[in-house]
Amino acid sequence: MFGVGLAELAVIAVVAVIVVGPDKVPELAKQAAQLIKQFRAFSQATRDNLRTELGPEFADLELRDLDPRELVRKHILDAMEDDDTPPRPAQVALRAGELPPYDVEAT
């Protein structure tokens, strides 16, 4: 979750106990949990609103699909899977002293 491990959570808990006191930590944890629930509800409502506004073609829309990195990754992988180019011929190693082919018109 958010790239935070067990050690980081322990440090955060110790700092929270020191800063706010042990009697207020449970209340702050409860408020943090409510904030996370509200954020999830907001993101779900946003996704559902986008789905209804865009129509049935986008019924499977996910918010992570709108991330430019994910979009590019998805299209590149799809293009690589749909690649119908013929396979390249096997490369043959040159013998000792042999020069690679050279095309004067290509350079």
Protein backbone atom coordinates (compact mmCIF):
# COMPACT_ATOMS: atom_id res chain seq x y z
CA MET A 1 0.00 0.00 0.00
CA PHE A 2 1.62 3.24 -1.17
CA GLY A 3 5.04 1.57 -1.03
CA VAL A 4 5.10 1.70 2.78
CA GLY A 5 6.50 -1.35 4.50
CA LEU A 6 6.14 -2.68 8.00
CA ALA A 7 9.22 -0.85 9.28
CA GLU A 8 7.95 2.50 7.97
CA LEU A 9 4.54 1.92 9.56
CA ALA A 10 6.22 1.18 12.89
CA VAL A 11 8.24 4.41 12.71
CA ILE A 12 5.09 6.38 11.85
CA ALA A 13 3.24 4.80 14.79
CA VAL A 14 6.06 5.60 17.23
CA VAL A 15 6.27 9.21 16.02
CA ALA A 16 2.48 9.55 16.26
CA VAL A 17 2.50 8.28 19.85
CA ILE A 18 5.29 10.71 20.77
CA VAL A 19 3.78 13.74 19.00
CA VAL A 20 0.07 13.45 19.84
CA GLY A 21 0.15 11.19 22.86
CA PRO A 22 -1.09 7.65 23.31
CA ASP A 23 -4.63 8.67 24.23
CA LYS A 24 -5.32 10.49 20.92
CA VAL A 25 -3.74 7.99 18.50
CA PRO A 26 -6.84 5.72 18.21
CA GLU A 27 -9.03 8.73 17.44
CA LEU A 28 -6.62 9.92 14.75
CA ALA A 29 -6.46 6.41 13.26
CA LYS A 30 -10.25 6.32 13.12
CA GLN A 31 -10.31 9.71 11.36
CA ALA A 32 -7.67 8.54 8.89
CA ALA A 33 -9.71 5.40 8.11
CA GLN A 34 -12.82 7.54 7.52
CA LEU A 35 -10.84 9.82 5.22
CA ILE A 36 -9.63 6.84 3.18
CA LYS A 37 -13.20 5.49 2.95
CA GLN A 38 -14.45 8.89 1.74
CA PHE A 39 -11.67 9.07 -0.86
CA ARG A 40 -12.52 5.59 -2.15
CA ALA A 41 -16.21 6.47 -2.35
CA PHE A 42 -15.37 9.68 -4.20
CA SER A 43 -13.16 7.86 -6.72
CA GLN A 44 -15.83 5.19 -7.28
CA ALA A 45 -18.50 7.86 -7.80
CA THR A 46 -16.22 9.65 -10.26
CA ARG A 47 -15.59 6.43 -12.20
CA ASP A 48 -19.31 5.60 -12.30
CA ASN A 49 -20.14 9.14 -13.42
CA LEU A 50 -17.57 8.90 -16.23
CA ARG A 51 -18.99 5.55 -17.32
CA THR A 52 -22.55 6.87 -17.51
CA GLU A 53 -21.53 10.09 -19.27
CA LEU A 54 -19.36 8.33 -21.87
CA GLY A 55 -21.95 5.70 -22.71
CA PRO A 56 -22.06 1.94 -23.05
CA GLU A 57 -18.87 1.76 -25.15
CA PHE A 58 -16.88 2.67 -22.04
CA ALA A 59 -18.71 0.42 -19.57
CA ASP A 60 -15.44 -1.28 -18.64
CA LEU A 61 -13.62 2.01 -17.98
CA GLU A 62 -11.18 2.03 -15.09
CA LEU A 63 -9.54 5.21 -13.77
CA ARG A 64 -6.09 3.64 -14.11
CA ASP A 65 -6.77 3.38 -17.87
CA LEU A 66 -6.60 7.19 -17.98
CA ASP A 67 -3.00 7.17 -16.71
CA PRO A 68 -0.79 8.10 -19.71
CA ARG A 69 1.87 5.56 -18.74
CA GLU A 70 -0.70 2.77 -18.55
CA LEU A 71 -2.28 3.87 -21.83
CA VAL A 72 1.03 3.77 -23.70
CA ARG A 73 2.02 0.46 -22.10
CA LYS A 74 -1.31 -1.10 -23.06
CA HIS A 75 -1.15 0.04 -26.67
CA ILE A 76 2.47 -0.98 -27.11
CA LEU A 77 1.77 -4.46 -25.73
CA ASP A 78 -1.32 -4.78 -27.92
CA ALA A 79 0.69 -3.73 -30.97
CA MET A 80 3.41 -6.23 -30.15
CA GLU A 81 0.86 -9.04 -29.78
CA ASP A 82 -0.87 -8.09 -33.05
CA ASP A 83 2.42 -7.83 -34.93
CA ASP A 84 1.98 -9.72 -38.23
CA THR A 85 5.45 -9.04 -39.60
CA PRO A 86 7.25 -12.13 -40.81
CA PRO A 87 10.05 -13.39 -38.60
CA ARG A 88 13.53 -12.23 -39.44
CA PRO A 89 15.84 -14.78 -41.00
CA ALA A 90 18.31 -16.36 -38.64
CA GLN A 91 21.55 -14.46 -38.35
CA VAL A 92 24.65 -16.28 -39.44
CA ALA A 93 27.96 -15.57 -37.80
CA LEU A 94 30.68 -14.26 -40.11
CA ARG A 95 33.68 -16.43 -40.75
CA ALA A 96 37.12 -15.18 -39.81
CA GLY A 97 38.14 -12.37 -42.15
CA GLU A 98 34.71 -12.15 -43.84
CA LEU A 99 33.20 -8.65 -44.22
CA PRO A 100 29.53 -7.95 -43.56
CA PRO A 101 27.34 -7.20 -46.58
CA TYR A 102 27.42 -3.59 -47.71
CA ASP A 103 24.90 -1.78 -49.91
CA VAL A 104 26.25 1.37 -51.53
CA GLU A 105 22.79 2.62 -52.48
CA ALA A 106 21.42 2.24 -48.93
CA THR A 107 23.93 4.58 -47.31
